[in-house]
Amino acid sequence: MASIDEIRQARLQKLEILKKAGVNPYPSKVPRDFPISFLKTNFDAQAKSGVSISVAGRVMALRGQGAILFAVLFDGTEKIQTIIKKDILPEESFSLFIDAVDVGDFISVTGLAMLSERGEPSVLADSWTMASKSLLPLPEKWHGLQDIEEKYRKRYLDFLTNDELRDLMVKKSKFWDATRDFMKNTGFLEVETPTLETTTGGAEATPFGTHHNDFDLDVYLRISVGELWQKRLMAGGFPKTFEIGRVYRNEGSSPEHLQEFTNMEFYWSFADYNDGMELVREMYIEIAKEVFGKTKFTSRGHTFDLADEWIKIDYGQEVLKQTGLNIETTSDKDIIKKLEELGVKYEGENRERLIDTLWKYCRKNISGPAFLINHPILVAPLAKSQPLGKTVQMFQPIIAGSEVGRGYSELNDPIDQKERFDVQQKLIDAGDTEAMMADYEFVEMLEHGMPPTCGFGFGERLFAILVDKPLRELQTFPLMRPR
């Protein structure tokens, strides 16, 4: 078997053959009347017309010898067989095809649409044009790329040889289209908010830092889709807004966590978290139907139907049921002891992190669909308190043992908000890199007045669960270390 270097050298020689024949191996345009998918859909009419047509694509397979060859072209929409016959093409053109064309090349073929002897839709070529000469081979036809790192590093080859992966990218696009359509159809205005911030808000995560040269200012890449900005829009008189965009969190990777991903957040004035739960349930069902044509899924060992009743799970009661610990009264020492007993890793020993880690152990046992409610104030610094003041008006959809969104009756009491920011600042000062940064200009906005508001956000994790794939596999181009 020839090495990659030997294959490349052989193709470089074919490149020279093309040039000596007066052929530009990389023209800016080649004959192409329509996508191959259009030809396949309208094949009978094209074949009956007797009119010559031009199609173009990458050569995915090449077989035959002597006076007839068969090349399969793929243009990203469909595949079509082309027939290259010695007695149809001019002699020089046929010989050049034999001498210069490889699997992986892009070519244009002009000729008649017809059925082959085996009844396969084909184009009988009376001319062809090189569109782009490839110098390196495609992965082996049947197995594609096998090494995981190579699959991620050479994503373009994985897309080319992996129909399932390409289909997932199409579904992911439809997923966000369905989300956008739902939000617009329910009266929400799509907005854009800053991705560079002087303080990050809206989530608890370690941000990426960078420097703004013109202002000589250190700034951060946002960790939420404009939560504190969209709330400012509520104060500014916009009743319903949403944004779909990229967010960045400088944290560890896992099947459910990445450093860069897409989220959607909406804000809805004069609504509370109960209104939010109703809207989110409706939205998730609509997305599932639009993208997948169903509401029942099996993922990560769980089976759930989004059209079922969404039960409400009390945060403290669920932790008590699964671990025997009352999070209101148990000590940090007892939580640590329980986590170690359960074999659960934890970072830091502040109470917020310990309680959150305890809950994350519990959620893995919940198939859903469900809404988690009544979170402790400590884990939700932007949510409005319940009347008794110990928990907040917050909800999280739970499916397949994972949180797939987060929403609140947003805190609009400026005094309460300042006090909670002060608590978060103390956590930062104590070394907690994921605590929420204090934004006192946001508090000033609240002092001017913000209406009662429900806010909610969710991200690519929902799509990953619905297709039962890890998040990294669903990134178009996952981040890789340079070689």
Protein backbone atom coordinates (compact mmCIF):
# COMPACT_ATOMS: atom_id res chain seq x y z
CA MET A 1 0.00 0.00 0.00
CA ALA A 2 1.36 3.40 -1.00
CA SER A 3 2.19 5.91 1.72
CA ILE A 4 0.53 9.33 1.98
CA ASP A 5 3.71 10.94 0.66
CA GLU A 6 3.79 8.58 -2.32
CA ILE A 7 0.13 9.26 -3.08
CA ARG A 8 0.75 13.00 -2.89
CA GLN A 9 3.72 12.78 -5.23
CA ALA A 10 1.68 10.78 -7.74
CA ARG A 11 -1.08 13.40 -7.65
CA LEU A 12 1.41 16.22 -8.07
CA GLN A 13 2.50 14.49 -11.27
CA LYS A 14 -1.13 14.37 -12.41
CA LEU A 15 -1.39 18.07 -11.62
CA GLU A 16 1.46 18.67 -14.04
CA ILE A 17 -0.26 16.52 -16.67
CA LEU A 18 -3.31 18.79 -16.43
CA LYS A 19 -1.22 21.94 -16.72
CA LYS A 20 0.68 20.61 -19.73
CA ALA A 21 -2.65 19.83 -21.38
CA GLY A 22 -3.59 23.49 -20.93
CA VAL A 23 -6.10 22.75 -18.18
CA ASN A 24 -6.41 25.06 -15.15
CA PRO A 25 -6.65 22.61 -12.21
CA TYR A 26 -8.28 25.26 -10.00
CA PRO A 27 -10.67 27.37 -12.09
CA SER A 28 -12.93 29.92 -10.42
CA LYS A 29 -16.07 28.52 -12.08
CA VAL A 30 -17.13 25.39 -13.94
CA PRO A 31 -20.32 24.42 -15.80
CA ARG A 32 -23.17 23.58 -13.38
CA ASP A 33 -26.84 24.01 -14.13
CA PHE A 34 -28.29 22.98 -10.76
CA PRO A 35 -27.57 20.93 -7.63
CA ILE A 36 -27.53 17.15 -8.02
CA SER A 37 -30.52 16.92 -5.68
CA PHE A 38 -32.58 18.89 -8.20
CA LEU A 39 -31.53 16.51 -10.96
CA LYS A 40 -32.42 13.44 -8.88
CA THR A 41 -35.85 14.89 -7.98
CA ASN A 42 -36.61 15.83 -11.58
CA PHE A 43 -34.69 13.03 -13.27
CA ASP A 44 -37.47 11.61 -15.45
CA ALA A 45 -38.27 15.01 -16.95
CA GLN A 46 -34.60 15.77 -17.57
CA ALA A 47 -34.02 12.37 -19.19
CA LYS A 48 -37.07 12.76 -21.47
CA SER A 49 -36.08 16.27 -22.53
CA GLY A 50 -32.96 15.09 -24.34
CA VAL A 51 -31.27 18.35 -23.36
CA SER A 52 -27.62 18.26 -22.27
CA ILE A 53 -27.06 19.26 -18.63
CA SER A 54 -24.07 20.08 -16.44
CA VAL A 55 -23.53 18.88 -12.86
CA ALA A 56 -20.49 19.18 -10.60
CA GLY A 57 -19.24 17.54 -7.43
CA ARG A 58 -16.49 15.61 -5.71
CA VAL A 59 -15.55 12.20 -7.12
CA MET A 60 -16.47 9.82 -4.30
CA ALA A 61 -15.95 6.58 -6.19
CA LEU A 62 -14.29 5.63 -9.46
CA ARG A 63 -14.51 2.22 -11.11
CA GLY A 64 -14.22 0.57 -14.48
CA GLN A 65 -11.44 0.18 -16.98
CA GLY A 66 -10.76 0.17 -20.66
CA ALA A 67 -13.38 2.02 -22.69
CA ILE A 68 -15.85 2.84 -19.91
CA LEU A 69 -15.59 4.28 -16.39
CA PHE A 70 -18.15 5.16 -13.74
CA ALA A 71 -17.60 8.11 -11.38
CA VAL A 72 -19.93 8.93 -8.48
CA LEU A 73 -20.20 12.68 -7.86
CA PHE A 74 -21.35 14.27 -4.59
CA ASP A 75 -22.04 18.01 -4.31
CA GLY A 76 -23.30 18.15 -0.72
CA THR A 77 -26.94 17.73 -1.74
CA GLU A 78 -26.99 14.30 -3.42
CA LYS A 79 -24.92 11.80 -5.38
CA ILE A 80 -25.18 10.90 -9.06
CA GLN A 81 -23.36 8.40 -11.23
CA THR A 82 -21.59 9.72 -14.31
CA ILE A 83 -20.59 7.48 -17.21
CA ILE A 84 -17.31 8.23 -18.97
CA LYS A 85 -17.16 6.38 -22.33
CA LYS A 86 -14.29 6.38 -24.79
CA ASP A 87 -16.58 6.38 -27.82
CA ILE A 88 -18.50 9.42 -26.54
CA LEU A 89 -15.72 11.71 -25.30
CA PRO A 90 -13.06 13.14 -27.58
CA GLU A 91 -9.98 10.88 -27.44
CA GLU A 92 -7.75 13.49 -25.74
CA SER A 93 -10.41 14.26 -23.14
CA PHE A 94 -10.96 10.58 -22.33
CA SER A 95 -7.22 9.95 -22.02
CA LEU A 96 -6.80 12.99 -19.78
CA PHE A 97 -9.56 11.72 -17.51
CA ILE A 98 -7.80 8.35 -17.23
CA ASP A 99 -4.43 9.97 -16.56
CA ALA A 100 -5.41 12.83 -14.24
CA VAL A 101 -8.63 12.17 -12.28
CA ASP A 102 -8.63 10.60 -8.79
CA VAL A 103 -11.19 9.94 -6.10
CA GLY A 104 -11.40 13.19 -4.14
CA ASP A 105 -11.16 15.51 -7.14
CA PHE A 106 -13.95 17.96 -7.93
CA ILE A 107 -15.10 17.80 -11.55
CA SER A 108 -17.91 19.12 -13.73
CA VAL A 109 -19.60 16.78 -16.20
CA THR A 110 -21.82 17.77 -19.13
CA GLY A 111 -24.05 15.29 -20.96
CA LEU A 112 -27.44 13.60 -21.12
CA ALA A 113 -29.44 12.31 -18.15
CA MET A 114 -30.16 8.62 -18.69
CA LEU A 115 -30.57 5.29 -16.93
CA SER A 116 -27.59 2.96 -16.95
CA GLU A 117 -27.93 -0.65 -18.07
CA ARG A 118 -28.60 -1.49 -14.42
CA GLY A 119 -31.32 1.14 -14.22
CA GLU A 120 -29.33 3.65 -12.15
CA PRO A 121 -29.90 7.39 -12.79
CA SER A 122 -26.75 8.64 -14.50
CA VAL A 123 -25.24 11.37 -16.63
CA LEU A 124 -23.57 10.18 -19.83
CA ALA A 125 -20.68 12.60 -20.24
CA ASP A 126 -19.81 14.20 -23.56
CA SER A 127 -17.35 16.56 -21.82
CA TRP A 128 -15.82 17.12 -18.40
CA THR A 129 -13.88 19.87 -16.61
CA MET A 130 -11.51 19.73 -13.65
CA ALA A 131 -12.93 21.91 -10.86
CA SER A 132 -10.31 21.27 -8.15
CA LYS A 133 -7.49 18.71 -8.17
CA SER A 134 -6.99 16.96 -4.82
CA LEU A 135 -3.45 16.17 -3.69
CA LEU A 136 -4.31 13.99 -0.70
CA PRO A 137 -6.68 10.99 -0.63
CA LEU A 138 -10.03 10.66 1.11
CA PRO A 139 -10.42 8.25 4.06
CA GLU A 140 -11.07 4.63 3.20
CA LYS A 141 -14.62 4.39 1.83
CA TRP A 142 -16.26 1.94 4.22
CA HIS A 143 -14.69 2.84 7.53
CA GLY A 144 -13.89 6.56 7.27
CA LEU A 145 -11.75 8.16 9.98
CA GLN A 146 -11.32 5.84 12.96
CA ASP A 147 -8.99 7.77 15.28
CA ILE A 148 -11.05 10.11 17.48
CA GLU A 149 -8.50 12.92 17.43
CA GLU A 150 -8.21 12.70 13.64
CA LYS A 151 -12.02 12.79 13.36
CA TYR A 152 -12.10 16.08 15.28
CA ARG A 153 -8.97 17.56 13.72
CA LYS A 154 -10.00 16.73 10.14
CA ARG A 155 -13.66 17.41 10.65
CA TYR A 156 -14.19 18.18 6.96
CA LEU A 157 -13.24 14.59 6.05
CA ASP A 158 -15.46 13.18 8.78
CA PHE A 159 -18.40 15.20 7.45
CA LEU A 160 -17.68 13.98 3.94
CA THR A 161 -17.62 10.29 4.83
CA ASN A 162 -20.07 10.23 7.75
CA ASP A 163 -23.66 10.75 6.62
CA GLU A 164 -25.00 10.49 10.19
CA LEU A 165 -22.74 13.28 11.41
CA ARG A 166 -23.68 15.53 8.52
CA ASP A 167 -27.35 14.86 9.26
CA LEU A 168 -26.80 15.80 12.92
CA MET A 169 -25.44 19.19 11.85
CA VAL A 170 -28.54 19.74 9.71
CA LYS A 171 -30.78 18.77 12.64
CA LYS A 172 -28.86 21.11 14.94
CA SER A 173 -29.53 23.99 12.56
CA LYS A 174 -33.22 23.05 12.48
CA PHE A 175 -33.19 22.89 16.29
CA TRP A 176 -32.20 26.55 16.56
CA ASP A 177 -34.52 27.50 13.68
CA ALA A 178 -37.41 25.89 15.57
CA THR A 179 -36.40 27.72 18.74
CA ARG A 180 -36.22 31.05 16.95
CA ASP A 181 -39.54 30.50 15.20
CA PHE A 182 -41.25 29.58 18.48
CA MET A 183 -39.98 32.68 20.24
CA LYS A 184 -40.98 35.01 17.41
CA ASN A 185 -44.38 33.36 17.04
CA THR A 186 -45.04 33.99 20.74
CA GLY A 187 -44.23 37.69 20.43
CA PHE A 188 -40.57 37.87 21.52
CA LEU A 189 -38.19 40.35 19.88
CA GLU A 190 -34.78 39.00 18.86
CA VAL A 191 -31.96 41.23 20.16
CA GLU A 192 -28.17 41.34 20.29
CA THR A 193 -26.23 42.11 23.46
CA PRO A 194 -22.48 42.52 24.12
CA THR A 195 -20.16 39.51 24.05
CA LEU A 196 -17.34 41.53 25.67
CA GLU A 197 -18.11 42.66 29.21
CA THR A 198 -16.29 44.41 32.02
CA THR A 199 -18.12 42.18 34.51
CA THR A 200 -19.72 38.86 33.62
CA GLY A 201 -23.24 38.18 34.84
CA GLY A 202 -26.05 35.70 34.47
CA ALA A 203 -24.25 32.52 35.50
CA GLU A 204 -21.69 31.11 37.87
CA ALA A 205 -18.64 30.17 35.80
CA THR A 206 -15.01 31.12 35.30
CA PRO A 207 -14.80 33.56 32.36
CA PHE A 208 -12.18 33.95 29.65
CA GLY A 209 -10.32 37.24 29.90
CA THR A 210 -8.91 39.37 27.11
CA HIS A 211 -7.74 42.96 26.57
CA HIS A 212 -9.40 45.82 24.71
CA ASN A 213 -6.46 47.72 23.19
CA ASP A 214 -8.32 50.89 22.22
CA PHE A 215 -9.75 51.43 25.71
CA ASP A 216 -6.71 49.81 27.40
CA LEU A 217 -9.20 47.77 29.35
CA ASP A 218 -9.35 44.18 30.55
CA VAL A 219 -12.64 42.59 29.51
CA TYR A 220 -14.29 39.16 29.62
CA LEU A 221 -16.06 36.97 27.10
CA ARG A 222 -19.65 36.62 28.25
CA ILE A 223 -20.80 33.56 30.18
CA SER A 224 -24.53 34.09 29.53
CA VAL A 225 -26.54 35.38 26.58
CA GLY A 226 -26.87 38.90 27.86
CA GLU A 227 -28.89 38.24 31.01
CA LEU A 228 -28.11 41.54 32.72
CA TRP A 229 -28.38 43.39 29.40
CA GLN A 230 -31.76 41.91 28.49
CA LYS A 231 -33.05 42.88 31.93
CA ARG A 232 -31.98 46.42 31.15
CA LEU A 233 -34.17 46.13 28.06
CA MET A 234 -37.09 45.20 30.32
CA ALA A 235 -36.45 48.42 32.24
CA GLY A 236 -36.24 50.23 28.91
CA GLY A 237 -39.77 49.26 27.92
CA PHE A 238 -39.26 46.15 25.80
CA PRO A 239 -41.87 43.59 26.97
CA LYS A 240 -40.40 40.37 25.48
CA THR A 241 -36.86 39.78 24.20
CA PHE A 242 -34.65 36.82 23.35
CA GLU A 243 -31.19 36.15 22.00
CA ILE A 244 -29.45 33.09 20.56
CA GLY A 245 -25.68 33.32 20.72
CA ARG A 246 -22.33 31.91 21.75
CA VAL A 247 -21.14 31.92 25.36
CA TYR A 248 -17.73 31.09 26.83
CA ARG A 249 -16.83 29.41 30.10
CA ASN A 250 -13.28 28.60 31.12
CA GLU A 251 -14.11 25.34 32.84
CA GLY A 252 -13.60 21.62 32.44
CA SER A 253 -14.90 19.49 29.58
CA SER A 254 -17.37 16.63 29.92
CA PRO A 255 -20.14 15.07 27.82
CA GLU A 256 -22.33 17.96 29.07
CA HIS A 257 -19.81 20.82 29.34
CA LEU A 258 -17.71 22.75 26.83
CA GLN A 259 -15.86 26.04 26.93
CA GLU A 260 -17.75 27.49 23.95
CA PHE A 261 -21.35 26.73 23.01
CA THR A 262 -24.67 28.23 21.90
CA ASN A 263 -27.40 29.31 24.31
CA MET A 264 -30.79 30.97 24.06
CA GLU A 265 -32.17 33.29 26.73
CA PHE A 266 -35.52 35.05 26.88
CA TYR A 267 -36.92 37.72 29.21
CA TRP A 268 -40.63 38.35 29.64
CA SER A 269 -41.98 41.32 31.57
CA PHE A 270 -45.00 40.98 33.87
CA ALA A 271 -44.54 37.18 33.94
CA ASP A 272 -43.26 34.93 36.74
CA TYR A 273 -41.61 31.53 36.92
CA ASN A 274 -44.96 29.73 36.72
CA ASP A 275 -45.65 31.44 33.39
CA GLY A 276 -42.13 30.52 32.34
CA MET A 277 -42.64 26.84 33.09
CA GLU A 278 -45.75 26.71 30.95
CA LEU A 279 -44.01 28.42 28.03
CA VAL A 280 -40.87 26.27 28.27
CA ARG A 281 -42.84 23.02 28.30
CA GLU A 282 -44.72 24.18 25.21
CA MET A 283 -41.46 25.24 23.53
CA TYR A 284 -39.62 21.96 24.17
CA ILE A 285 -42.53 19.92 22.81
CA GLU A 286 -42.72 22.15 19.72
CA ILE A 287 -38.96 21.87 19.08
CA ALA A 288 -39.08 18.08 19.41
CA LYS A 289 -41.98 17.78 16.97
CA GLU A 290 -40.48 20.20 14.43
CA VAL A 291 -36.98 18.71 14.43
CA PHE A 292 -37.55 15.03 15.21
CA GLY A 293 -41.23 14.45 14.52
CA LYS A 294 -41.72 12.89 17.96
CA THR A 295 -41.77 13.67 21.68
CA LYS A 296 -40.59 10.34 23.13
CA PHE A 297 -36.84 9.73 23.42
CA THR A 298 -34.34 7.34 24.97
CA SER A 299 -31.06 8.92 26.05
CA ARG A 300 -28.28 8.13 28.51
CA GLY A 301 -30.16 5.21 29.98
CA HIS A 302 -33.37 7.19 30.48
CA THR A 303 -36.65 7.12 28.56
CA PHE A 304 -38.94 10.15 28.63
CA ASP A 305 -41.83 11.69 26.73
CA LEU A 306 -41.91 15.48 26.59
CA ALA A 307 -45.68 15.34 26.01
CA ASP A 308 -46.21 13.70 29.41
CA GLU A 309 -47.08 15.67 32.53
CA TRP A 310 -44.03 17.57 33.82
CA ILE A 311 -43.86 16.82 37.53
CA LYS A 312 -42.47 19.43 39.94
CA ILE A 313 -39.61 18.31 42.17
CA ASP A 314 -38.70 20.21 45.34
CA TYR A 315 -34.92 20.73 45.54
CA GLY A 316 -34.55 20.15 49.30
CA GLN A 317 -37.06 17.32 49.50
CA GLU A 318 -35.40 15.44 46.62
CA VAL A 319 -31.94 15.73 48.22
CA LEU A 320 -33.44 14.54 51.52
CA LYS A 321 -35.15 11.60 49.79
CA GLN A 322 -32.02 10.46 47.95
CA THR A 323 -29.29 11.22 50.51
CA GLY A 324 -31.04 11.57 53.89
CA LEU A 325 -29.60 15.08 54.36
CA ASN A 326 -31.69 18.16 55.15
CA ILE A 327 -29.82 20.94 53.34
CA GLU A 328 -31.34 23.61 55.61
CA THR A 329 -29.95 22.12 58.83
CA THR A 330 -27.09 19.77 57.92
CA SER A 331 -23.52 20.94 58.46
CA ASP A 332 -20.90 21.40 55.74
CA LYS A 333 -18.92 18.62 57.44
CA ASP A 334 -21.82 16.20 57.07
CA ILE A 335 -22.28 17.13 53.41
CA ILE A 336 -18.60 16.46 52.74
CA LYS A 337 -18.87 13.14 54.57
CA LYS A 338 -21.89 12.15 52.48
CA LEU A 339 -20.20 13.14 49.20
CA GLU A 340 -17.15 11.07 50.10
CA GLU A 341 -19.42 8.17 51.10
CA LEU A 342 -21.15 8.40 47.70
CA GLY A 343 -17.83 8.63 45.87
CA VAL A 344 -18.69 12.06 44.46
CA LYS A 345 -15.85 14.47 43.65
CA TYR A 346 -16.28 18.04 44.86
CA GLU A 347 -14.31 21.25 44.48
CA GLY A 348 -14.02 23.80 47.26
CA GLU A 349 -15.67 23.62 50.64
CA ASN A 350 -17.99 26.63 50.60
CA ARG A 351 -21.60 25.73 51.29
CA GLU A 352 -22.97 26.80 47.89
CA ARG A 353 -20.63 24.46 46.02
CA LEU A 354 -21.23 21.58 48.41
CA ILE A 355 -25.03 21.79 48.20
CA ASP A 356 -24.89 22.12 44.40
CA THR A 357 -22.64 19.04 44.14
CA LEU A 358 -25.00 17.07 46.35
CA TRP A 359 -27.92 17.97 44.09
CA LYS A 360 -25.99 17.04 40.93
CA TYR A 361 -25.59 13.56 42.35
CA CYS A 362 -29.35 13.32 42.87
CA ARG A 363 -30.42 14.63 39.46
CA LYS A 364 -28.76 11.72 37.62
CA ASN A 365 -31.55 9.47 38.89
CA ILE A 366 -34.38 11.56 37.42
CA SER A 367 -35.63 10.71 33.91
CA GLY A 368 -38.20 13.50 33.68
CA PRO A 369 -39.67 15.43 32.16
CA ALA A 370 -39.75 17.45 35.36
CA PHE A 371 -39.23 20.95 36.73
CA LEU A 372 -36.89 21.35 39.68
CA ILE A 373 -38.17 24.15 41.97
CA ASN A 374 -37.56 25.71 45.38
CA HIS A 375 -33.79 26.09 45.11
CA PRO A 376 -31.91 27.52 48.12
CA ILE A 377 -31.21 31.26 47.84
CA LEU A 378 -27.47 30.58 48.01
CA VAL A 379 -27.37 28.82 44.62
CA ALA A 380 -29.51 31.43 42.78
CA PRO A 381 -28.23 34.99 43.34
CA LEU A 382 -30.43 36.53 40.63
CA ALA A 383 -33.78 34.91 41.45
CA LYS A 384 -36.69 36.38 43.44
CA SER A 385 -37.25 34.82 46.86
CA GLN A 386 -40.27 32.73 47.78
CA PRO A 387 -42.54 34.37 50.42
CA LEU A 388 -40.85 32.55 53.34
CA GLY A 389 -37.45 33.74 52.15
CA LYS A 390 -35.53 30.44 52.31
CA THR A 391 -35.88 29.40 48.66
CA VAL A 392 -36.25 31.18 45.33
CA GLN A 393 -38.73 31.28 42.46
CA MET A 394 -36.49 29.32 40.12
CA PHE A 395 -37.13 26.38 37.80
CA GLN A 396 -34.97 23.97 35.85
CA PRO A 397 -36.24 21.45 33.30
CA ILE A 398 -34.83 18.00 34.09
CA ILE A 399 -34.66 15.24 31.48
CA ALA A 400 -32.40 12.19 31.24
CA GLY A 401 -30.75 13.02 34.56
CA SER A 402 -29.61 16.46 33.38
CA GLU A 403 -30.57 20.09 33.78
CA VAL A 404 -31.60 21.42 30.39
CA GLY A 405 -32.31 25.04 31.19
CA ARG A 406 -32.73 27.50 34.02
CA GLY A 407 -35.33 30.18 34.67
CA TYR A 408 -36.40 32.58 37.43
CA SER A 409 -38.86 35.09 38.58
CA GLU A 410 -36.10 37.65 38.21
CA LEU A 411 -34.96 39.59 41.24
CA ASN A 412 -35.93 43.24 40.81
CA ASP A 413 -35.45 44.44 44.40
CA PRO A 414 -32.26 46.57 44.20
CA ILE A 415 -31.48 46.30 47.91
CA ASP A 416 -31.82 42.52 47.93
CA GLN A 417 -29.77 42.28 44.71
CA LYS A 418 -26.94 44.37 46.14
CA GLU A 419 -26.81 42.20 49.25
CA ARG A 420 -26.59 39.05 47.11
CA PHE A 421 -23.86 40.55 44.95
CA ASP A 422 -21.97 41.38 48.15
CA VAL A 423 -22.16 37.69 49.15
CA GLN A 424 -20.87 36.65 45.71
CA GLN A 425 -18.02 39.15 45.98
CA LYS A 426 -16.97 37.63 49.30
CA LEU A 427 -16.88 34.21 47.60
CA ILE A 428 -14.65 35.64 44.87
CA ASP A 429 -12.39 37.25 47.45
CA ALA A 430 -12.14 33.83 49.17
CA GLY A 431 -10.91 32.26 45.92
CA ASP A 432 -14.11 30.97 44.28
CA THR A 433 -13.42 31.53 40.56
CA GLU A 434 -16.97 30.55 39.56
CA ALA A 435 -18.87 32.94 41.84
CA MET A 436 -20.87 35.64 40.06
CA MET A 437 -19.20 39.02 39.58
CA ALA A 438 -20.92 41.95 41.22
CA ASP A 439 -22.40 44.47 38.77
CA TYR A 440 -23.38 47.55 40.72
CA GLU A 441 -24.40 49.47 37.60
CA PHE A 442 -27.03 46.76 37.19
CA VAL A 443 -28.18 47.51 40.75
CA GLU A 444 -28.46 51.17 39.77
CA MET A 445 -30.73 50.14 36.89
CA LEU A 446 -32.92 48.24 39.34
CA GLU A 447 -33.18 51.38 41.46
CA HIS A 448 -34.70 53.12 38.44
CA GLY A 449 -37.19 50.23 38.33
CA MET A 450 -37.59 46.96 36.41
CA PRO A 451 -41.02 45.32 36.00
CA PRO A 452 -41.72 41.83 37.34
CA THR A 453 -39.94 39.59 34.84
CA CYS A 454 -39.43 35.92 34.03
CA GLY A 455 -36.10 34.98 32.47
CA PHE A 456 -35.03 31.63 31.08
CA GLY A 457 -32.11 30.14 29.20
CA PHE A 458 -31.09 26.81 27.69
CA GLY A 459 -28.36 25.58 25.41
CA GLU A 460 -26.96 22.86 23.20
CA ARG A 461 -27.19 20.33 26.03
CA LEU A 462 -30.89 19.89 25.23
CA PHE A 463 -30.07 18.99 21.63
CA ALA A 464 -27.28 16.65 22.78
CA ILE A 465 -29.71 14.77 25.01
CA LEU A 466 -32.39 14.51 22.33
CA VAL A 467 -29.89 12.94 19.91
CA ASP A 468 -28.10 11.02 22.71
CA LYS A 469 -24.63 12.32 21.82
CA PRO A 470 -21.91 14.07 23.84
CA LEU A 471 -21.69 17.84 23.31
CA ARG A 472 -18.21 17.73 21.81
CA GLU A 473 -19.35 15.44 19.02
CA LEU A 474 -21.99 17.99 18.05
CA GLN A 475 -19.58 20.90 17.61
CA THR A 476 -18.90 21.76 13.99
CA PHE A 477 -15.20 22.24 14.73
CA PRO A 478 -14.24 21.24 18.30
CA LEU A 479 -11.27 23.07 19.81
CA MET A 480 -8.04 21.08 19.38
CA ARG A 481 -4.54 21.59 20.69
CA PRO A 482 -2.19 22.65 17.85
CA ARG A 483 0.10 19.90 16.66
